[in-house]
Structures are given as C-alpha cells and as structure tokens.
Amino acid sequence: MKTTSSTYPLRLPISLKAAAERLSKQDGASLNQFVVLAVAEKISAMETATFFEERAKKGNRETLRRILSRKKGGEPPRPGDEILD
C-alpha cells in the first residue's frame, strides 16, 4: 500500500514547540511524528463526538423508558456478560 503525504508549514509559539519537542523526545518519536499523532487524536475525538451526536438524534425516548421500566428477570446473562463481585 502506498502512503501519500503533503507538507504543511506550521508556525507554533515557542513555548508550545518546546513542550512538543520535550514530549516527543520522551516518547522516542520525532517532532513530526508527534505532531501527526496529535492531529490524528484530535480528529478522532471530534469525529467520535459527531458520531455520537448523530446516533443520539436517532434515539427514541419512549423506547428507552420502556426498556428501563421493564420488570426484572428476562434472559440470563450470556456467557462472559455476568457481573463478577
């Protein structure tokens, strides 16, 4: 699989660049790798929030209330779903 990339001139405040350099060195990564990972994490967080916002719009409060108010009992937990004390 071929990976493509592009360059982007980035201007950082001196204090932010110093912190990123220090943390990337601690992590054993280049500053470029550190910045790429930071951007990827931010995008992931924002897209995850959007995903859950969209899912919430599809929710049905009446169905939720019905599920939460149903009588105890029902099916026993499936293997691996038991609550361990």
N, C-alpha and C. Protein backbone atom coordinates (compact mmCIF):
# COMPACT_ATOMS: atom_id res chain seq x y z
N MET A 1 0.84 -1.18 0.00
CA MET A 1 0.00 0.00 0.00
C MET A 1 0.88 1.24 0.00
N LYS A 2 0.63 2.15 -0.89
CA LYS A 2 1.42 3.36 -0.99
C LYS A 2 0.79 4.45 -0.12
N THR A 3 1.62 5.07 0.70
CA THR A 3 1.16 6.15 1.54
C THR A 3 1.55 7.47 0.91
N THR A 4 0.61 8.37 0.84
CA THR A 4 0.93 9.69 0.31
C THR A 4 0.86 10.70 1.43
N SER A 5 1.62 11.74 1.31
CA SER A 5 1.59 12.79 2.31
C SER A 5 1.88 14.12 1.64
N SER A 6 1.64 15.18 2.37
CA SER A 6 1.95 16.51 1.87
C SER A 6 2.60 17.29 2.99
N THR A 7 3.27 18.34 2.64
CA THR A 7 3.91 19.17 3.65
C THR A 7 3.00 20.34 3.97
N TYR A 8 3.17 20.84 5.18
CA TYR A 8 2.38 21.97 5.64
C TYR A 8 3.26 22.80 6.57
N PRO A 9 3.56 24.04 6.20
CA PRO A 9 4.39 24.86 7.09
C PRO A 9 3.58 25.20 8.34
N LEU A 10 4.13 24.91 9.47
CA LEU A 10 3.41 25.08 10.73
C LEU A 10 4.14 26.08 11.61
N ARG A 11 3.44 27.06 12.09
CA ARG A 11 4.02 28.05 13.00
C ARG A 11 3.46 27.79 14.39
N LEU A 12 4.36 27.52 15.31
CA LEU A 12 3.97 27.26 16.70
C LEU A 12 4.58 28.32 17.61
N PRO A 13 3.87 28.71 18.65
CA PRO A 13 4.51 29.55 19.66
C PRO A 13 5.73 28.81 20.23
N ILE A 14 6.75 29.55 20.59
CA ILE A 14 7.99 28.94 21.06
C ILE A 14 7.74 27.99 22.23
N SER A 15 6.90 28.39 23.18
CA SER A 15 6.65 27.54 24.35
C SER A 15 5.95 26.24 23.97
N LEU A 16 5.04 26.29 23.02
CA LEU A 16 4.33 25.10 22.58
C LEU A 16 5.26 24.16 21.82
N LYS A 17 6.12 24.73 20.98
CA LYS A 17 7.08 23.91 20.25
C LYS A 17 8.05 23.25 21.22
N ALA A 18 8.51 23.98 22.23
CA ALA A 18 9.44 23.41 23.21
C ALA A 18 8.79 22.24 23.96
N ALA A 19 7.54 22.40 24.34
CA ALA A 19 6.83 21.33 25.04
C ALA A 19 6.65 20.12 24.14
N ALA A 20 6.31 20.36 22.87
CA ALA A 20 6.12 19.26 21.93
C ALA A 20 7.44 18.54 21.68
N GLU A 21 8.53 19.28 21.58
CA GLU A 21 9.85 18.66 21.40
C GLU A 21 10.22 17.80 22.61
N ARG A 22 9.97 18.35 23.80
CA ARG A 22 10.30 17.61 25.03
C ARG A 22 9.49 16.32 25.11
N LEU A 23 8.19 16.40 24.85
CA LEU A 23 7.34 15.22 24.95
C LEU A 23 7.63 14.21 23.85
N SER A 24 7.93 14.69 22.64
CA SER A 24 8.24 13.74 21.56
C SER A 24 9.54 13.01 21.87
N LYS A 25 10.50 13.72 22.45
CA LYS A 25 11.77 13.09 22.82
C LYS A 25 11.54 12.03 23.90
N GLN A 26 10.72 12.36 24.90
CA GLN A 26 10.38 11.38 25.96
C GLN A 26 9.73 10.14 25.36
N ASP A 27 8.95 10.34 24.33
CA ASP A 27 8.19 9.25 23.70
C ASP A 27 9.03 8.50 22.67
N GLY A 28 10.22 9.00 22.37
CA GLY A 28 11.07 8.35 21.38
C GLY A 28 10.61 8.54 19.96
N ALA A 29 9.92 9.65 19.72
CA ALA A 29 9.40 9.93 18.39
C ALA A 29 9.98 11.24 17.89
N SER A 30 9.94 11.42 16.59
CA SER A 30 10.36 12.71 16.03
C SER A 30 9.26 13.73 16.31
N LEU A 31 9.63 14.99 16.21
CA LEU A 31 8.64 16.04 16.39
C LEU A 31 7.54 15.90 15.34
N ASN A 32 7.90 15.56 14.11
CA ASN A 32 6.91 15.38 13.05
C ASN A 32 5.92 14.26 13.42
N GLN A 33 6.44 13.13 13.88
CA GLN A 33 5.56 12.01 14.27
C GLN A 33 4.63 12.43 15.41
N PHE A 34 5.17 13.18 16.35
CA PHE A 34 4.39 13.64 17.49
C PHE A 34 3.24 14.55 17.04
N VAL A 35 3.55 15.49 16.14
CA VAL A 35 2.52 16.42 15.65
C VAL A 35 1.47 15.67 14.84
N VAL A 36 1.90 14.74 14.00
CA VAL A 36 0.95 13.95 13.21
C VAL A 36 0.00 13.18 14.14
N LEU A 37 0.55 12.55 15.17
CA LEU A 37 -0.27 11.80 16.12
C LEU A 37 -1.23 12.72 16.86
N ALA A 38 -0.76 13.90 17.26
CA ALA A 38 -1.62 14.85 17.96
C ALA A 38 -2.79 15.28 17.09
N VAL A 39 -2.53 15.55 15.83
CA VAL A 39 -3.60 15.95 14.90
C VAL A 39 -4.57 14.78 14.70
N ALA A 40 -4.03 13.56 14.55
CA ALA A 40 -4.89 12.38 14.37
C ALA A 40 -5.78 12.16 15.59
N GLU A 41 -5.23 12.33 16.79
CA GLU A 41 -6.03 12.16 18.01
C GLU A 41 -7.14 13.20 18.09
N LYS A 42 -6.84 14.43 17.74
CA LYS A 42 -7.85 15.49 17.78
C LYS A 42 -8.97 15.22 16.78
N ILE A 43 -8.60 14.82 15.57
CA ILE A 43 -9.61 14.49 14.55
C ILE A 43 -10.48 13.33 15.02
N SER A 44 -9.85 12.32 15.60
CA SER A 44 -10.60 11.16 16.10
C SER A 44 -11.59 11.58 17.18
N ALA A 45 -11.16 12.41 18.11
CA ALA A 45 -12.05 12.87 19.18
C ALA A 45 -13.23 13.65 18.63
N MET A 46 -12.96 14.52 17.69
CA MET A 46 -14.05 15.33 17.13
C MET A 46 -15.01 14.48 16.30
N GLU A 47 -14.48 13.54 15.53
CA GLU A 47 -15.36 12.69 14.73
C GLU A 47 -16.15 11.72 15.60
N THR A 48 -15.57 11.30 16.72
CA THR A 48 -16.29 10.44 17.65
C THR A 48 -17.47 11.20 18.26
N ALA A 49 -17.23 12.44 18.63
CA ALA A 49 -18.32 13.26 19.18
C ALA A 49 -19.43 13.43 18.16
N THR A 50 -19.07 13.67 16.92
CA THR A 50 -20.07 13.82 15.85
C THR A 50 -20.85 12.52 15.67
N PHE A 51 -20.15 11.38 15.71
CA PHE A 51 -20.80 10.08 15.57
C PHE A 51 -21.88 9.91 16.64
N PHE A 52 -21.53 10.21 17.91
CA PHE A 52 -22.50 10.03 18.98
C PHE A 52 -23.63 11.05 18.92
N GLU A 53 -23.35 12.25 18.45
CA GLU A 53 -24.42 13.23 18.26
C GLU A 53 -25.44 12.73 17.23
N GLU A 54 -24.93 12.17 16.15
CA GLU A 54 -25.81 11.63 15.11
C GLU A 54 -26.61 10.44 15.64
N ARG A 55 -25.96 9.56 16.41
CA ARG A 55 -26.66 8.41 16.99
C ARG A 55 -27.75 8.87 17.95
N ALA A 56 -27.45 9.90 18.74
CA ALA A 56 -28.42 10.40 19.71
C ALA A 56 -29.68 10.92 19.02
N LYS A 57 -29.53 11.51 17.84
CA LYS A 57 -30.68 12.02 17.10
C LYS A 57 -31.62 10.89 16.68
N LYS A 58 -31.09 9.68 16.54
CA LYS A 58 -31.90 8.55 16.12
C LYS A 58 -32.57 7.85 17.29
N GLY A 59 -32.22 8.28 18.52
CA GLY A 59 -32.77 7.64 19.71
C GLY A 59 -34.25 7.92 19.89
N ASN A 60 -34.90 7.08 20.67
CA ASN A 60 -36.33 7.22 20.93
C ASN A 60 -36.54 7.15 22.44
N ARG A 61 -36.92 8.28 23.02
CA ARG A 61 -37.08 8.34 24.48
C ARG A 61 -38.15 7.37 25.00
N GLU A 62 -39.19 7.21 24.24
CA GLU A 62 -40.27 6.31 24.68
C GLU A 62 -39.76 4.86 24.75
N THR A 63 -38.99 4.45 23.77
CA THR A 63 -38.40 3.11 23.79
C THR A 63 -37.44 2.96 24.96
N LEU A 64 -36.66 3.99 25.21
CA LEU A 64 -35.73 3.96 26.35
C LEU A 64 -36.50 3.81 27.66
N ARG A 65 -37.55 4.59 27.84
CA ARG A 65 -38.34 4.49 29.08
C ARG A 65 -38.94 3.09 29.24
N ARG A 66 -39.41 2.53 28.12
CA ARG A 66 -40.00 1.19 28.17
C ARG A 66 -38.94 0.16 28.59
N ILE A 67 -37.76 0.27 28.03
CA ILE A 67 -36.69 -0.67 28.37
C ILE A 67 -36.28 -0.52 29.83
N LEU A 68 -36.14 0.72 30.29
CA LEU A 68 -35.69 0.96 31.66
C LEU A 68 -36.75 0.58 32.70
N SER A 69 -38.01 0.59 32.33
CA SER A 69 -39.07 0.29 33.30
C SER A 69 -39.56 -1.15 33.23
N ARG A 70 -38.97 -1.98 32.39
CA ARG A 70 -39.44 -3.36 32.30
C ARG A 70 -39.09 -4.13 33.58
N LYS A 71 -39.86 -5.17 33.82
CA LYS A 71 -39.69 -5.97 35.02
C LYS A 71 -38.36 -6.71 34.99
N LYS A 72 -37.84 -6.94 36.18
CA LYS A 72 -36.59 -7.70 36.26
C LYS A 72 -36.85 -9.13 35.84
N GLY A 73 -35.78 -9.79 35.51
CA GLY A 73 -35.91 -11.16 35.04
C GLY A 73 -35.43 -11.23 33.62
N GLY A 74 -36.24 -11.76 32.77
CA GLY A 74 -35.85 -11.84 31.37
C GLY A 74 -34.79 -12.89 31.15
N GLU A 75 -33.96 -12.68 30.18
CA GLU A 75 -32.92 -13.64 29.84
C GLU A 75 -31.77 -13.57 30.83
N PRO A 76 -31.17 -14.71 31.13
CA PRO A 76 -29.97 -14.68 31.97
C PRO A 76 -28.82 -14.09 31.15
N PRO A 77 -27.78 -13.61 31.83
CA PRO A 77 -26.65 -13.06 31.08
C PRO A 77 -26.04 -14.10 30.15
N ARG A 78 -25.58 -13.66 29.02
CA ARG A 78 -24.88 -14.55 28.11
C ARG A 78 -23.50 -14.85 28.68
N PRO A 79 -22.90 -15.96 28.30
CA PRO A 79 -21.57 -16.28 28.82
C PRO A 79 -20.59 -15.11 28.58
N GLY A 80 -19.92 -14.71 29.64
CA GLY A 80 -18.98 -13.59 29.56
C GLY A 80 -19.60 -12.26 29.96
N ASP A 81 -20.94 -12.19 30.09
CA ASP A 81 -21.60 -10.96 30.44
C ASP A 81 -21.99 -10.92 31.93
N GLU A 82 -21.63 -11.93 32.68
CA GLU A 82 -22.01 -11.98 34.09
C GLU A 82 -21.29 -10.86 34.86
N ILE A 83 -21.94 -10.39 35.92
CA ILE A 83 -21.32 -9.39 36.79
C ILE A 83 -20.52 -10.14 37.84
N LEU A 84 -19.23 -9.85 37.90
CA LEU A 84 -18.37 -10.52 38.86
C LEU A 84 -18.23 -9.64 40.10
N ASP A 85 -18.35 -10.24 41.27
CA ASP A 85 -18.20 -9.49 42.52
C ASP A 85 -16.76 -9.32 42.90
